[in-house]
Amino acid sequence: NSYCEKAKTLLNDFDNEEIKQSLITMLDYV
């Protein structure tokens, strides 16, 4: 879960919210 949260913060600077949400959902799914 620690690595999961660190991964999510790496998406903060990207603009495409739809794709960011897909990647966050992928993390949660894994």
All heavy atoms as atom14 arrays in JSON, in Angstrom:
{
  "sequence": "NSYCEKAKTLLNDFDNEEIKQSLITMLDYV",
  "atom14_mask": [
    [1, 1, 1, 1, 1, 1, 1, 1, 0, 0, 0, 0, 0, 0],
    [1, 1, 1, 1, 1, 1, 0, 0, 0, 0, 0, 0, 0, 0],
    [1, 1, 1, 1, 1, 1, 1, 1, 1, 1, 1, 1, 0, 0],
    [1, 1, 1, 1, 1, 1, 0, 0, 0, 0, 0, 0, 0, 0],
    [1, 1, 1, 1, 1, 1, 1, 1, 1, 0, 0, 0, 0, 0],
    [1, 1, 1, 1, 1, 1, 1, 1, 1, 0, 0, 0, 0, 0],
    [1, 1, 1, 1, 1, 0, 0, 0, 0, 0, 0, 0, 0, 0],
    [1, 1, 1, 1, 1, 1, 1, 1, 1, 0, 0, 0, 0, 0],
    [1, 1, 1, 1, 1, 1, 1, 0, 0, 0, 0, 0, 0, 0],
    [1, 1, 1, 1, 1, 1, 1, 1, 0, 0, 0, 0, 0, 0],
    [1, 1, 1, 1, 1, 1, 1, 1, 0, 0, 0, 0, 0, 0],
    [1, 1, 1, 1, 1, 1, 1, 1, 0, 0, 0, 0, 0, 0],
    [1, 1, 1, 1, 1, 1, 1, 1, 0, 0, 0, 0, 0, 0],
    [1, 1, 1, 1, 1, 1, 1, 1, 1, 1, 1, 0, 0, 0],
    [1, 1, 1, 1, 1, 1, 1, 1, 0, 0, 0, 0, 0, 0],
    [1, 1, 1, 1, 1, 1, 1, 1, 0, 0, 0, 0, 0, 0],
    [1, 1, 1, 1, 1, 1, 1, 1, 1, 0, 0, 0, 0, 0],
    [1, 1, 1, 1, 1, 1, 1, 1, 1, 0, 0, 0, 0, 0],
    [1, 1, 1, 1, 1, 1, 1, 1, 0, 0, 0, 0, 0, 0],
    [1, 1, 1, 1, 1, 1, 1, 1, 1, 0, 0, 0, 0, 0],
    [1, 1, 1, 1, 1, 1, 1, 1, 1, 0, 0, 0, 0, 0],
    [1, 1, 1, 1, 1, 1, 0, 0, 0, 0, 0, 0, 0, 0],
    [1, 1, 1, 1, 1, 1, 1, 1, 0, 0, 0, 0, 0, 0],
    [1, 1, 1, 1, 1, 1, 1, 1, 0, 0, 0, 0, 0, 0],
    [1, 1, 1, 1, 1, 1, 1, 0, 0, 0, 0, 0, 0, 0],
    [1, 1, 1, 1, 1, 1, 1, 1, 0, 0, 0, 0, 0, 0],
    [1, 1, 1, 1, 1, 1, 1, 1, 0, 0, 0, 0, 0, 0],
    [1, 1, 1, 1, 1, 1, 1, 1, 0, 0, 0, 0, 0, 0],
    [1, 1, 1, 1, 1, 1, 1, 1, 1, 1, 1, 1, 0, 0],
    [1, 1, 1, 1, 1, 1, 1, 0, 0, 0, 0, 0, 0, 0]
  ],
  "atom14_positions": [
    [[0.82, -1.21, 0.0], [0.0, 0.0, 0.0], [0.86, 1.26, 0.0], [0.47, 2.29, -0.57], [-0.95, -0.01, 1.2], [-2.06, -1.04, 1.05], [-2.5, -1.32, -0.06], [-2.51, -1.6, 2.15], [0.0, 0.0, 0.0], [0.0, 0.0, 0.0], [0.0, 0.0, 0.0], [0.0, 0.0, 0.0], [0.0, 0.0, 0.0], [0.0, 0.0, 0.0]],
    [[2.03, 1.2, 0.61], [2.96, 2.33, 0.61], [3.44, 2.63, -0.8], [3.47, 3.79, -1.23], [4.14, 2.03, 1.53], [5.14, 3.03, 1.41], [0.0, 0.0, 0.0], [0.0, 0.0, 0.0], [0.0, 0.0, 0.0], [0.0, 0.0, 0.0], [0.0, 0.0, 0.0], [0.0, 0.0, 0.0], [0.0, 0.0, 0.0], [0.0, 0.0, 0.0]],
    [[3.81, 1.58, -1.54], [4.23, 1.77, -2.93], [3.07, 2.28, -3.78], [3.26, 3.09, -4.71], [4.78, 0.46, -3.51], [6.23, 0.23, -3.19], [6.62, -0.66, -2.2], [7.24, 0.9, -3.89], [7.96, -0.87, -1.88], [8.58, 0.7, -3.6], [8.94, -0.19, -2.6], [10.26, -0.39, -2.3], [0.0, 0.0, 0.0], [0.0, 0.0, 0.0]],
    [[1.86, 1.82, -3.49], [0.68, 2.26, -4.22], [0.48, 3.76, -4.06], [0.24, 4.48, -5.05], [-0.55, 1.49, -3.71], [-2.11, 1.97, -4.48], [0.0, 0.0, 0.0], [0.0, 0.0, 0.0], [0.0, 0.0, 0.0], [0.0, 0.0, 0.0], [0.0, 0.0, 0.0], [0.0, 0.0, 0.0], [0.0, 0.0, 0.0], [0.0, 0.0, 0.0]],
    [[0.6, 4.25, -2.85], [0.41, 5.68, -2.61], [1.52, 6.51, -3.25], [1.27, 7.6, -3.78], [0.35, 5.95, -1.1], [-0.9, 5.38, -0.43], [-2.19, 5.82, -1.12], [-2.35, 7.03, -1.37], [-3.03, 4.95, -1.42], [0.0, 0.0, 0.0], [0.0, 0.0, 0.0], [0.0, 0.0, 0.0], [0.0, 0.0, 0.0], [0.0, 0.0, 0.0]],
    [[2.75, 6.02, -3.21], [3.86, 6.73, -3.85], [3.64, 6.81, -5.36], [3.94, 7.84, -5.99], [5.19, 6.04, -3.56], [5.69, 6.22, -2.14], [7.16, 5.87, -1.99], [7.44, 4.41, -2.21], [8.86, 4.07, -1.96], [0.0, 0.0, 0.0], [0.0, 0.0, 0.0], [0.0, 0.0, 0.0], [0.0, 0.0, 0.0], [0.0, 0.0, 0.0]],
    [[3.1, 5.75, -5.94], [2.83, 5.75, -7.38], [1.78, 6.8, -7.74], [1.91, 7.51, -8.75], [2.37, 4.36, -7.82], [0.0, 0.0, 0.0], [0.0, 0.0, 0.0], [0.0, 0.0, 0.0], [0.0, 0.0, 0.0], [0.0, 0.0, 0.0], [0.0, 0.0, 0.0], [0.0, 0.0, 0.0], [0.0, 0.0, 0.0], [0.0, 0.0, 0.0]],
    [[0.74, 6.91, -6.93], [-0.33, 7.88, -7.22], [0.19, 9.31, -7.25], [-0.24, 10.11, -8.09], [-1.44, 7.73, -6.18], [-2.27, 6.46, -6.34], [-3.35, 6.35, -5.26], [-4.14, 5.06, -5.43], [-5.16, 4.87, -4.39], [0.0, 0.0, 0.0], [0.0, 0.0, 0.0], [0.0, 0.0, 0.0], [0.0, 0.0, 0.0], [0.0, 0.0, 0.0]],
    [[1.14, 9.64, -6.37], [1.65, 11.02, -6.33], [2.41, 11.37, -7.6], [2.53, 12.56, -7.94], [2.57, 11.23, -5.11], [3.73, 10.4, -5.22], [1.84, 10.91, -3.82], [0.0, 0.0, 0.0], [0.0, 0.0, 0.0], [0.0, 0.0, 0.0], [0.0, 0.0, 0.0], [0.0, 0.0, 0.0], [0.0, 0.0, 0.0], [0.0, 0.0, 0.0]],
    [[2.93, 10.37, -8.31], [3.7, 10.62, -9.54], [2.81, 11.11, -10.68], [3.32, 11.58, -11.7], [4.44, 9.35, -9.96], [5.59, 8.93, -9.05], [6.04, 7.51, -9.37], [6.77, 9.9, -9.2], [0.0, 0.0, 0.0], [0.0, 0.0, 0.0], [0.0, 0.0, 0.0], [0.0, 0.0, 0.0], [0.0, 0.0, 0.0], [0.0, 0.0, 0.0]],
    [[1.5, 11.0, -10.52], [0.57, 11.43, -11.57], [0.1, 12.87, -11.38], [-0.6, 13.42, -12.23], [-0.65, 10.51, -11.61], [-0.38, 9.02, -11.88], [-1.68, 8.23, -11.77], [0.26, 8.82, -13.25], [0.0, 0.0, 0.0], [0.0, 0.0, 0.0], [0.0, 0.0, 0.0], [0.0, 0.0, 0.0], [0.0, 0.0, 0.0], [0.0, 0.0, 0.0]],
    [[0.5, 13.5, -10.29], [-0.03, 14.82, -9.93], [0.19, 15.89, -11.0], [-0.64, 16.78, -11.18], [0.58, 15.3, -8.61], [0.04, 14.52, -7.42], [-0.97, 13.83, -7.52], [0.74, 14.59, -6.29], [0.0, 0.0, 0.0], [0.0, 0.0, 0.0], [0.0, 0.0, 0.0], [0.0, 0.0, 0.0], [0.0, 0.0, 0.0], [0.0, 0.0, 0.0]],
    [[1.3, 15.82, -11.71], [1.65, 16.89, -12.65], [1.06, 16.71, -14.04], [1.29, 17.54, -14.93], [3.18, 17.01, -12.77], [3.83, 17.46, -11.46], [3.12, 18.1, -10.65], [5.01, 17.14, -11.24], [0.0, 0.0, 0.0], [0.0, 0.0, 0.0], [0.0, 0.0, 0.0], [0.0, 0.0, 0.0], [0.0, 0.0, 0.0], [0.0, 0.0, 0.0]],
    [[0.3, 15.64, -14.25], [-0.28, 15.39, -15.57], [-1.7, 15.96, -15.64], [-2.41, 16.01, -14.64], [-0.3, 13.89, -15.88], [1.06, 13.3, -16.1], [1.8, 12.79, -15.03], [1.64, 13.27, -17.36], [3.06, 12.25, -15.21], [2.9, 12.74, -17.57], [3.61, 12.23, -16.48], [0.0, 0.0, 0.0], [0.0, 0.0, 0.0], [0.0, 0.0, 0.0]],
    [[-2.1, 16.4, -16.83], [-3.36, 17.14, -16.98], [-4.57, 16.28, -17.33], [-5.7, 16.64, -17.0], [-3.2, 18.21, -18.07], [-2.17, 19.26, -17.69], [-2.05, 19.55, -16.48], [-1.48, 19.77, -18.58], [0.0, 0.0, 0.0], [0.0, 0.0, 0.0], [0.0, 0.0, 0.0], [0.0, 0.0, 0.0], [0.0, 0.0, 0.0], [0.0, 0.0, 0.0]],
    [[-4.36, 15.18, -18.03], [-5.5, 14.39, -18.53], [-6.15, 13.62, -17.37], [-5.71, 12.54, -16.98], [-5.04, 13.43, -19.62], [-6.2, 12.78, -20.35], [-7.2, 12.41, -19.74], [-6.07, 12.63, -21.65], [0.0, 0.0, 0.0], [0.0, 0.0, 0.0], [0.0, 0.0, 0.0], [0.0, 0.0, 0.0], [0.0, 0.0, 0.0], [0.0, 0.0, 0.0]],
    [[-7.23, 14.18, -16.83], [-7.86, 13.6, -15.64], [-8.46, 12.22, -15.91], [-8.45, 11.36, -15.03], [-8.94, 14.54, -15.1], [-8.4, 15.85, -14.54], [-7.47, 15.64, -13.35], [-7.69, 14.66, -12.59], [-6.52, 16.43, -13.19], [0.0, 0.0, 0.0], [0.0, 0.0, 0.0], [0.0, 0.0, 0.0], [0.0, 0.0, 0.0], [0.0, 0.0, 0.0]],
    [[-8.98, 12.0, -17.11], [-9.6, 10.72, -17.42], [-8.56, 9.59, -17.42], [-8.8, 8.52, -16.84], [-10.29, 10.79, -18.79], [-11.09, 9.55, -19.13], [-11.75, 9.62, -20.49], [-11.22, 10.31, -21.38], [-12.8, 8.96, -20.66], [0.0, 0.0, 0.0], [0.0, 0.0, 0.0], [0.0, 0.0, 0.0], [0.0, 0.0, 0.0], [0.0, 0.0, 0.0]],
    [[-7.42, 9.84, -18.03], [-6.36, 8.83, -18.06], [-5.75, 8.65, -16.68], [-5.47, 7.52, -16.25], [-5.25, 9.22, -19.08], [-5.84, 9.36, -20.49], [-4.14, 8.18, -19.07], [-6.37, 8.09, -21.08], [0.0, 0.0, 0.0], [0.0, 0.0, 0.0], [0.0, 0.0, 0.0], [0.0, 0.0, 0.0], [0.0, 0.0, 0.0], [0.0, 0.0, 0.0]],
    [[-5.56, 9.75, -15.96], [-5.04, 9.65, -14.59], [-5.95, 8.77, -13.73], [-5.47, 7.93, -12.97], [-4.92, 11.05, -13.96], [-3.71, 11.82, -14.42], [-3.78, 13.3, -14.03], [-3.77, 13.52, -12.54], [-3.7, 14.97, -12.21], [0.0, 0.0, 0.0], [0.0, 0.0, 0.0], [0.0, 0.0, 0.0], [0.0, 0.0, 0.0], [0.0, 0.0, 0.0]],
    [[-7.26, 8.95, -13.89], [-8.19, 8.14, -13.1], [-8.08, 6.67, -13.47], [-8.18, 5.79, -12.6], [-9.63, 8.63, -13.3], [-10.64, 7.95, -12.38], [-10.25, 8.05, -10.91], [-10.02, 9.13, -10.38], [-10.17, 6.91, -10.23], [0.0, 0.0, 0.0], [0.0, 0.0, 0.0], [0.0, 0.0, 0.0], [0.0, 0.0, 0.0], [0.0, 0.0, 0.0]],
    [[-7.88, 6.38, -14.75], [-7.71, 4.98, -15.16], [-6.47, 4.36, -14.52], [-6.49, 3.21, -14.07], [-7.6, 4.88, -16.69], [-8.86, 4.95, -17.3], [0.0, 0.0, 0.0], [0.0, 0.0, 0.0], [0.0, 0.0, 0.0], [0.0, 0.0, 0.0], [0.0, 0.0, 0.0], [0.0, 0.0, 0.0], [0.0, 0.0, 0.0], [0.0, 0.0, 0.0]],
    [[-5.38, 5.13, -14.47], [-4.15, 4.62, -13.87], [-4.3, 4.45, -12.35], [-3.77, 3.49, -11.77], [-2.98, 5.54, -14.2], [-2.53, 5.5, -15.67], [-1.57, 6.65, -15.97], [-1.88, 4.16, -15.99], [0.0, 0.0, 0.0], [0.0, 0.0, 0.0], [0.0, 0.0, 0.0], [0.0, 0.0, 0.0], [0.0, 0.0, 0.0], [0.0, 0.0, 0.0]],
    [[-5.0, 5.36, -11.71], [-5.26, 5.23, -10.27], [-6.14, 4.01, -10.01], [-5.9, 3.23, -9.06], [-5.91, 6.52, -9.71], [-4.89, 7.66, -9.7], [-6.47, 6.29, -8.31], [-5.49, 9.03, -9.44], [0.0, 0.0, 0.0], [0.0, 0.0, 0.0], [0.0, 0.0, 0.0], [0.0, 0.0, 0.0], [0.0, 0.0, 0.0], [0.0, 0.0, 0.0]],
    [[-7.15, 3.82, -10.85], [-8.02, 2.65, -10.72], [-7.22, 1.37, -10.94], [-7.47, 0.34, -10.29], [-9.2, 2.72, -11.72], [-9.91, 3.93, -11.52], [-10.15, 1.54, -11.54], [0.0, 0.0, 0.0], [0.0, 0.0, 0.0], [0.0, 0.0, 0.0], [0.0, 0.0, 0.0], [0.0, 0.0, 0.0], [0.0, 0.0, 0.0], [0.0, 0.0, 0.0]],
    [[-6.25, 1.42, -11.87], [-5.38, 0.25, -12.1], [-4.6, -0.09, -10.84], [-4.5, -1.26, -10.45], [-4.42, 0.53, -13.26], [-3.43, -0.6, -13.52], [-4.2, -2.09, -14.18], [-4.26, -1.66, -15.94], [0.0, 0.0, 0.0], [0.0, 0.0, 0.0], [0.0, 0.0, 0.0], [0.0, 0.0, 0.0], [0.0, 0.0, 0.0], [0.0, 0.0, 0.0]],
    [[-4.05, 0.92, -10.18], [-3.33, 0.69, -8.93], [-4.24, 0.04, -7.89], [-3.87, -0.95, -7.25], [-2.8, 2.01, -8.37], [-1.47, 2.52, -8.92], [-1.29, 3.99, -8.57], [-0.3, 1.7, -8.37], [0.0, 0.0, 0.0], [0.0, 0.0, 0.0], [0.0, 0.0, 0.0], [0.0, 0.0, 0.0], [0.0, 0.0, 0.0], [0.0, 0.0, 0.0]],
    [[-5.43, 0.59, -7.72], [-6.38, 0.06, -6.74], [-6.78, -1.38, -7.11], [-6.93, -2.24, -6.24], [-7.62, 0.95, -6.65], [-7.31, 2.31, -6.05], [-6.31, 2.42, -5.32], [-8.07, 3.26, -6.32], [0.0, 0.0, 0.0], [0.0, 0.0, 0.0], [0.0, 0.0, 0.0], [0.0, 0.0, 0.0], [0.0, 0.0, 0.0], [0.0, 0.0, 0.0]],
    [[-6.95, -1.62, -8.4], [-7.32, -2.96, -8.87], [-6.21, -3.97, -8.52], [-6.5, -5.08, -8.05], [-7.55, -2.93, -10.38], [-7.67, -4.3, -11.0], [-8.86, -5.03, -10.88], [-6.61, -4.87, -11.69], [-8.97, -6.29, -11.44], [-6.71, -6.13, -12.23], [-7.89, -6.84, -12.1], [-7.99, -8.1, -12.66], [0.0, 0.0, 0.0], [0.0, 0.0, 0.0]],
    [[-4.96, -3.58, -8.75], [-3.84, -4.49, -8.51], [-3.75, -4.88, -7.03], [-3.54, -6.05, -6.7], [-2.51, -3.84, -8.99], [-1.3, -4.52, -8.37], [-2.43, -3.9, -10.51], [0.0, 0.0, 0.0], [0.0, 0.0, 0.0], [0.0, 0.0, 0.0], [0.0, 0.0, 0.0], [0.0, 0.0, 0.0], [0.0, 0.0, 0.0], [0.0, 0.0, 0.0]]
  ]
}
